[in-house]
Amino acid sequence: MTLRQAQDERAEIAVIGAGAWGTALAQLVASDGSPVLIWAYEAEVVEAINRTRSNPLFLKEADLSSAIRATGDLGELAGIPIVLAVTPAQVLGKVLAGLAEGPRDLVLCSKGIEGGTGRLMNEVAREACPESEIAVLSGPTFAHEVAAGLPTAVTLACSGGEPQWDRLMPAIARPAFRPYYSDDVTGAEIGGAVKNVLAIACGLVDGLELGQNARAALIARGYAEMLRFGEALGARRETLAGLCGLGDLVLTCSSTSSRNFSLGVALGQGRSAAELMADRTTVAEGAFTAPVLAALAEERGVAMPIVAAVNAILEGEAPREAVAALLARPLKSERDGTAGKAGA
């Protein structure tokens, strides 16, 4: 029996997507010697992982475990019971459709809303893999820190409830990586998707040099928008107050390690969205989520003026004009702007 055959026979987890986050998750799972199969779209990434134990295209700082094997063939994932899906949100459905069979547990690790349909990732996954139980892993995570084994806590929302948690927790948890249980899949997804757009807004504040007071205010008012939208879709407030909502929001709204925050900074400094989005080695999911999120909010009558402003800037409006429009909104009670469908 070859080493490859031995690894694949024992593998309990596969990762779909070898970008920075997918590679970091593979490294996390492999940190205790567990074999991991990772699928990559790019042939050069497959070769680099298998030959040099590195991913210079997406996570160059990580020395990868020998327990990780890469493949470009989705068919090799057949029979592996746990699959972490870490593709860009807009191609998740297409990639999952290429699986020969769905895994028992499909863990969604991408944050976004599908353009054109307005579907959350769990809805996309249920159509592509109806036989799989869906879970969502989301929280304040920078890929390079997880790959380095630094302490991290996340939400693991399980549609299959505690029995699914009992299967997934030992497979994913590590001494420095602590998942917390939830059964609110919708809430976990909304927190991750909305915070990406709000991180662009916070980056804009920095790029425009509007100060830390403005950024703090934007985080608080943006969180109110997240709550309103989440409640409109059936999410629980306590979920959005946790790691996958407020926790993730605070992290990505305050660091240039966030691709969405960095995109906002560059927009605030005068660069165009088209120019910035031409770099396909880093995906700022918030740029793809903003238009569909703004449309869904309008359709449901949920006031999300910060999201609308980000979308307008991505479509070409001058950042200072969009900020001026936000500041010119009528003054309201803070309580009225934190619940229901009231304005912000």
Protein backbone atom coordinates (compact mmCIF):
# COMPACT_ATOMS: atom_id res chain seq x y z
CA MET A 1 0.00 0.00 0.00
CA THR A 2 1.36 3.43 -0.92
CA LEU A 3 1.52 6.34 1.54
CA ARG A 4 -1.12 8.13 -0.55
CA GLN A 5 -3.48 5.16 -0.31
CA ALA A 6 -2.89 4.84 3.42
CA GLN A 7 -3.58 8.54 4.00
CA ASP A 8 -6.76 8.53 1.95
CA GLU A 9 -8.10 5.38 3.64
CA ARG A 10 -7.76 7.02 7.04
CA ALA A 11 -8.80 10.56 6.06
CA GLU A 12 -11.93 11.74 7.83
CA ILE A 13 -11.76 15.33 6.61
CA ALA A 14 -11.34 16.95 3.22
CA VAL A 15 -11.15 20.64 2.40
CA ILE A 16 -12.56 22.10 -0.81
CA GLY A 17 -10.65 25.24 -1.70
CA ALA A 18 -6.94 25.95 -1.17
CA GLY A 19 -7.03 29.70 -0.75
CA ALA A 20 -5.61 31.21 2.42
CA TRP A 21 -8.51 30.13 4.66
CA GLY A 22 -8.88 26.65 3.20
CA THR A 23 -5.14 26.04 3.51
CA ALA A 24 -5.17 27.30 7.10
CA LEU A 25 -8.03 24.95 8.00
CA ALA A 26 -6.22 22.00 6.43
CA GLN A 27 -3.13 22.90 8.45
CA LEU A 28 -5.26 23.15 11.59
CA VAL A 29 -6.80 19.71 11.17
CA ALA A 30 -3.42 18.19 10.28
CA SER A 31 -1.74 19.75 13.33
CA ASP A 32 -2.26 16.55 15.34
CA GLY A 33 -1.19 14.31 12.47
CA SER A 34 -4.68 13.69 11.08
CA PRO A 35 -4.53 13.16 7.30
CA VAL A 36 -6.30 15.82 5.25
CA LEU A 37 -7.12 15.87 1.54
CA ILE A 38 -7.39 19.38 0.10
CA TRP A 39 -8.84 20.16 -3.33
CA ALA A 40 -7.40 23.12 -5.23
CA TYR A 41 -8.62 24.66 -8.46
CA GLU A 42 -5.14 25.80 -9.47
CA ALA A 43 -2.78 23.06 -10.69
CA GLU A 44 0.24 25.01 -9.46
CA VAL A 45 -1.19 25.05 -5.94
CA VAL A 46 -1.69 21.28 -5.99
CA GLU A 47 1.91 20.81 -7.10
CA ALA A 48 3.34 23.24 -4.55
CA ILE A 49 1.50 21.69 -1.60
CA ASN A 50 2.52 18.15 -2.55
CA ARG A 51 6.08 18.93 -3.61
CA THR A 52 7.25 21.76 -1.35
CA ARG A 53 4.79 21.64 1.57
CA SER A 54 3.80 25.25 0.89
CA ASN A 55 1.17 27.39 -0.78
CA PRO A 56 3.11 30.43 -2.01
CA LEU A 57 0.15 31.77 -4.01
CA PHE A 58 -2.27 32.11 -1.09
CA LEU A 59 -0.54 31.45 2.27
CA LYS A 60 3.18 31.75 1.67
CA GLU A 61 4.14 32.13 5.35
CA ALA A 62 2.94 28.64 6.36
CA ASP A 63 5.08 25.49 6.36
CA LEU A 64 2.45 22.84 5.69
CA SER A 65 2.12 19.50 7.43
CA SER A 66 3.15 16.33 5.61
CA ALA A 67 -0.30 14.96 6.57
CA ILE A 68 -1.88 17.25 3.94
CA ARG A 69 -2.24 16.00 0.38
CA ALA A 70 -3.61 18.15 -2.43
CA THR A 71 -5.62 17.09 -5.45
CA GLY A 72 -7.29 18.73 -8.41
CA ASP A 73 -9.84 15.94 -8.75
CA LEU A 74 -13.09 16.36 -6.80
CA GLY A 75 -13.82 12.67 -7.37
CA GLU A 76 -11.11 11.80 -4.83
CA LEU A 77 -13.29 13.25 -2.05
CA ALA A 78 -15.88 10.50 -2.43
CA GLY A 79 -16.35 8.56 0.79
CA ILE A 80 -14.75 11.14 3.09
CA PRO A 81 -17.40 11.80 5.77
CA ILE A 82 -16.56 15.42 6.67
CA VAL A 83 -15.91 18.07 4.04
CA LEU A 84 -15.08 21.70 4.76
CA ALA A 85 -16.22 23.90 1.86
CA VAL A 86 -13.99 26.97 1.63
CA THR A 87 -14.47 28.19 -1.94
CA PRO A 88 -15.40 31.80 -2.74
CA ALA A 89 -19.10 32.19 -1.98
CA GLN A 90 -20.08 32.99 -5.56
CA VAL A 91 -18.79 29.66 -6.93
CA LEU A 92 -19.82 27.38 -4.06
CA GLY A 93 -22.82 25.90 -5.85
CA LYS A 94 -20.87 25.17 -9.02
CA VAL A 95 -18.04 23.47 -7.16
CA LEU A 96 -20.32 21.37 -4.92
CA ALA A 97 -22.21 20.23 -8.01
CA GLY A 98 -18.97 18.58 -9.13
CA LEU A 99 -18.92 16.18 -6.17
CA ALA A 100 -19.69 12.58 -7.05
CA GLU A 101 -21.56 12.26 -3.77
CA GLY A 102 -22.26 14.55 -0.86
CA PRO A 103 -20.46 13.89 2.44
CA ARG A 104 -22.32 13.02 5.62
CA ASP A 105 -21.32 16.39 7.09
CA LEU A 106 -20.73 19.44 4.89
CA VAL A 107 -19.23 22.35 6.85
CA LEU A 108 -19.57 25.73 5.13
CA CYS A 109 -16.65 28.06 5.82
CA SER A 110 -17.31 30.71 3.12
CA LYS A 111 -18.99 33.99 4.07
CA GLY A 112 -21.35 35.61 1.59
CA ILE A 113 -24.70 35.70 -0.16
CA GLU A 114 -25.14 34.33 -3.67
CA GLY A 115 -25.48 37.05 -6.27
CA GLY A 116 -28.51 36.87 -8.52
CA THR A 117 -30.48 34.56 -6.20
CA GLY A 118 -29.98 36.15 -2.77
CA ARG A 119 -29.50 32.70 -1.25
CA LEU A 120 -27.42 32.05 1.84
CA MET A 121 -24.66 29.47 1.47
CA ASN A 122 -26.62 26.81 3.37
CA GLU A 123 -29.44 27.13 0.83
CA VAL A 124 -26.97 26.76 -2.02
CA ALA A 125 -25.41 23.72 -0.37
CA ARG A 126 -28.73 22.02 0.37
CA GLU A 127 -29.62 22.10 -3.32
CA ALA A 128 -26.23 20.78 -4.41
CA CYS A 129 -25.87 18.15 -1.65
CA PRO A 130 -29.38 17.28 -0.40
CA GLU A 131 -28.14 14.13 1.35
CA SER A 132 -25.62 16.02 3.52
CA GLU A 133 -26.17 17.56 6.94
CA ILE A 134 -25.06 21.19 6.82
CA ALA A 135 -23.00 23.06 9.40
CA VAL A 136 -21.53 26.56 9.32
CA LEU A 137 -18.14 27.47 10.77
CA SER A 138 -17.76 31.22 11.26
CA GLY A 139 -16.05 33.65 13.58
CA PRO A 140 -13.14 36.07 14.04
CA THR A 141 -10.40 34.30 12.11
CA PHE A 142 -7.37 35.49 10.19
CA ALA A 143 -5.97 32.60 8.14
CA HIS A 144 -2.31 33.23 8.93
CA GLU A 145 -2.99 33.15 12.69
CA VAL A 146 -4.96 29.89 12.52
CA ALA A 147 -2.23 28.30 10.40
CA ALA A 148 0.35 29.39 12.98
CA GLY A 149 -1.62 27.76 15.80
CA LEU A 150 -2.54 30.98 17.58
CA PRO A 151 -5.59 30.90 19.91
CA THR A 152 -8.89 31.20 18.04
CA ALA A 153 -12.57 30.72 18.90
CA VAL A 154 -15.40 30.26 16.40
CA THR A 155 -19.08 29.41 16.15
CA LEU A 156 -19.93 25.97 14.75
CA ALA A 157 -23.64 26.06 13.89
CA CYS A 158 -25.08 22.60 13.22
CA SER A 159 -28.33 22.06 11.34
CA GLY A 160 -28.26 18.50 12.70
CA GLY A 161 -28.19 19.72 16.28
CA GLU A 162 -26.14 18.12 19.04
CA PRO A 163 -25.66 14.73 17.30
CA GLN A 164 -23.88 16.52 14.44
CA TRP A 165 -21.90 18.62 16.91
CA ASP A 166 -20.78 15.41 18.64
CA ARG A 167 -19.37 14.18 15.31
CA LEU A 168 -17.76 17.42 14.21
CA MET A 169 -16.35 18.82 17.44
CA PRO A 170 -13.60 16.20 17.97
CA ALA A 171 -12.69 16.30 14.29
CA ILE A 172 -12.27 20.09 14.16
CA ALA A 173 -11.41 21.29 17.68
CA ARG A 174 -7.74 21.60 18.61
CA PRO A 175 -6.07 22.94 21.80
CA ALA A 176 -5.81 26.47 20.35
CA PHE A 177 -8.94 26.28 18.16
CA ARG A 178 -12.17 26.34 20.15
CA PRO A 179 -15.53 25.90 18.40
CA TYR A 180 -18.68 26.92 20.30
CA TYR A 181 -21.96 25.14 19.59
CA SER A 182 -25.01 26.72 18.00
CA ASP A 183 -27.95 25.41 16.01
CA ASP A 184 -28.67 28.82 14.43
CA VAL A 185 -27.25 28.25 10.95
CA THR A 186 -28.98 31.34 9.54
CA GLY A 187 -27.56 33.60 12.25
CA ALA A 188 -24.04 32.26 11.80
CA GLU A 189 -24.19 32.92 8.08
CA ILE A 190 -25.69 36.39 8.31
CA GLY A 191 -23.07 37.53 10.80
CA GLY A 192 -20.25 36.54 8.48
CA ALA A 193 -21.83 37.95 5.33
CA VAL A 194 -22.88 41.34 6.74
CA LYS A 195 -19.63 41.99 8.60
CA ASN A 196 -17.69 41.75 5.32
CA VAL A 197 -19.60 44.73 3.93
CA LEU A 198 -19.24 46.67 7.19
CA ALA A 199 -15.48 45.99 7.16
CA ILE A 200 -15.28 47.77 3.79
CA ALA A 201 -17.09 50.72 5.37
CA CYS A 202 -14.60 50.84 8.26
CA GLY A 203 -11.73 50.70 5.81
CA LEU A 204 -13.26 53.65 3.98
CA VAL A 205 -13.26 55.61 7.24
CA ASP A 206 -9.54 54.96 7.60
CA GLY A 207 -8.82 55.71 3.95
CA LEU A 208 -10.66 59.02 4.22
CA GLU A 209 -8.86 59.78 7.53
CA LEU A 210 -12.11 60.41 9.38
CA GLY A 211 -10.74 59.29 12.72
CA GLN A 212 -11.25 56.56 15.30
CA ASN A 213 -14.43 58.13 16.71
CA ALA A 214 -16.07 57.68 13.32
CA ARG A 215 -14.89 54.10 13.02
CA ALA A 216 -16.25 53.19 16.46
CA ALA A 217 -19.59 54.80 15.64
CA LEU A 218 -19.74 52.94 12.33
CA ILE A 219 -19.07 49.59 14.01
CA ALA A 220 -21.87 50.20 16.52
CA ARG A 221 -24.37 51.42 13.93
CA GLY A 222 -23.32 48.70 11.51
CA TYR A 223 -23.97 46.11 14.19
CA ALA A 224 -27.49 47.54 14.54
CA GLU A 225 -27.96 46.96 10.80
CA MET A 226 -26.72 43.39 11.18
CA LEU A 227 -29.26 42.77 13.96
CA ARG A 228 -32.14 44.21 11.96
CA PHE A 229 -31.34 42.18 8.88
CA GLY A 230 -30.71 39.01 10.85
CA GLU A 231 -33.98 39.23 12.72
CA ALA A 232 -35.84 39.81 9.44
CA LEU A 233 -34.46 36.47 8.21
CA GLY A 234 -35.11 34.59 11.44
CA ALA A 235 -31.66 34.75 13.06
CA ARG A 236 -31.38 34.93 16.83
CA ARG A 237 -29.97 38.06 18.47
CA GLU A 238 -27.74 36.04 20.78
CA THR A 239 -26.10 34.39 17.79
CA LEU A 240 -25.27 37.76 16.23
CA ALA A 241 -23.97 38.97 19.60
CA GLY A 242 -21.49 36.08 19.62
CA LEU A 243 -18.30 35.10 17.84
CA CYS A 244 -19.81 34.82 14.35
CA GLY A 245 -21.42 38.26 14.53
CA LEU A 246 -20.04 40.91 16.85
CA GLY A 247 -16.77 39.05 17.39
CA ASP A 248 -16.04 38.77 13.67
CA LEU A 249 -17.19 42.36 13.10
CA VAL A 250 -14.73 43.78 15.63
CA LEU A 251 -11.80 41.83 14.17
CA THR A 252 -12.35 42.63 10.52
CA CYS A 253 -13.25 46.28 11.08
CA SER A 254 -9.93 47.08 12.72
CA SER A 255 -7.08 45.45 10.83
CA THR A 256 -5.46 45.63 7.40
CA SER A 257 -5.12 41.83 7.62
CA SER A 258 -8.80 41.87 6.60
CA ARG A 259 -9.14 41.89 2.81
CA ASN A 260 -12.45 43.72 3.07
CA PHE A 261 -11.02 46.39 5.37
CA SER A 262 -8.01 46.82 3.06
CA LEU A 263 -10.34 47.20 0.08
CA GLY A 264 -12.20 49.97 1.90
CA VAL A 265 -8.95 51.76 2.77
CA ALA A 266 -7.90 51.75 -0.88
CA LEU A 267 -11.32 52.98 -2.01
CA GLY A 268 -11.12 55.81 0.52
CA GLN A 269 -7.71 56.75 -0.85
CA GLY A 270 -9.17 57.21 -4.31
CA ARG A 271 -8.56 53.91 -6.11
CA SER A 272 -11.40 52.45 -8.18
CA ALA A 273 -13.31 49.30 -7.28
CA ALA A 274 -12.68 47.82 -10.74
CA GLU A 275 -8.93 48.23 -10.36
CA LEU A 276 -8.88 46.72 -6.89
CA MET A 277 -11.12 43.76 -7.76
CA ALA A 278 -8.88 42.82 -10.70
CA ASP A 279 -6.52 41.10 -8.22
CA ARG A 280 -7.94 37.58 -8.12
CA THR A 281 -5.41 36.16 -5.62
CA THR A 282 -7.36 37.78 -2.77
CA VAL A 283 -11.14 37.77 -2.65
CA ALA A 284 -12.90 40.57 -0.75
CA GLU A 285 -16.26 38.82 -0.39
CA GLY A 286 -17.93 41.99 0.87
CA ALA A 287 -17.69 43.56 -2.59
CA PHE A 288 -19.81 40.74 -4.03
CA THR A 289 -22.17 40.64 -1.05
CA ALA A 290 -22.90 44.40 -0.92
CA PRO A 291 -25.23 44.65 -3.94
CA VAL A 292 -27.29 41.58 -3.12
CA LEU A 293 -27.45 42.50 0.58
CA ALA A 294 -28.58 46.04 -0.25
CA ALA A 295 -31.25 44.65 -2.60
CA LEU A 296 -32.51 42.12 -0.04
CA ALA A 297 -32.70 44.80 2.65
CA GLU A 298 -34.73 47.09 0.40
CA GLU A 299 -37.01 44.22 -0.61
CA ARG A 300 -37.72 43.36 3.03
CA GLY A 301 -38.00 46.95 4.20
CA VAL A 302 -34.93 46.73 6.45
CA ALA A 303 -33.02 49.99 6.81
CA MET A 304 -29.30 49.42 6.13
CA PRO A 305 -27.92 52.83 5.16
CA ILE A 306 -24.28 51.89 5.76
CA VAL A 307 -24.58 48.85 3.49
CA ALA A 308 -26.33 51.01 0.88
CA ALA A 309 -23.52 53.57 1.05
CA VAL A 310 -20.84 50.90 0.56
CA ASN A 311 -22.73 49.54 -2.42
CA ALA A 312 -23.04 53.02 -3.92
CA ILE A 313 -19.29 53.57 -3.58
CA LEU A 314 -18.54 50.21 -5.21
CA GLU A 315 -20.79 51.30 -8.07
CA GLY A 316 -18.82 54.52 -8.52
CA GLU A 317 -20.16 57.15 -6.14
CA ALA A 318 -17.46 59.36 -4.60
CA PRO A 319 -16.69 58.13 -1.06
CA ARG A 320 -16.89 61.60 0.53
CA GLU A 321 -20.28 62.20 -1.07
CA ALA A 322 -21.61 58.89 0.26
CA VAL A 323 -20.32 59.69 3.76
CA ALA A 324 -21.85 63.17 3.60
CA ALA A 325 -25.21 61.60 2.73
CA LEU A 326 -24.96 59.30 5.76
CA LEU A 327 -24.16 62.21 8.06
CA ALA A 328 -27.11 64.18 6.68
CA ARG A 329 -29.67 61.52 7.67
CA PRO A 330 -32.31 62.64 10.19
CA LEU A 331 -31.38 62.23 13.85
CA LYS A 332 -33.20 59.38 15.61
CA SER A 333 -33.42 57.61 18.93
CA GLU A 334 -30.60 55.08 19.31
CA ARG A 335 -33.13 52.56 20.55
CA ASP A 336 -35.23 53.00 17.42
CA GLY A 337 -32.20 52.20 15.31
CA THR A 338 -31.35 48.89 16.97
CA ALA A 339 -34.43 46.76 16.54
CA GLY A 340 -37.15 45.95 14.08
CA LYS A 341 -37.17 47.84 10.78
CA ALA A 342 -36.50 51.33 12.06
CA GLY A 343 -33.96 53.61 10.39
CA ALA A 344 -30.33 53.86 11.45
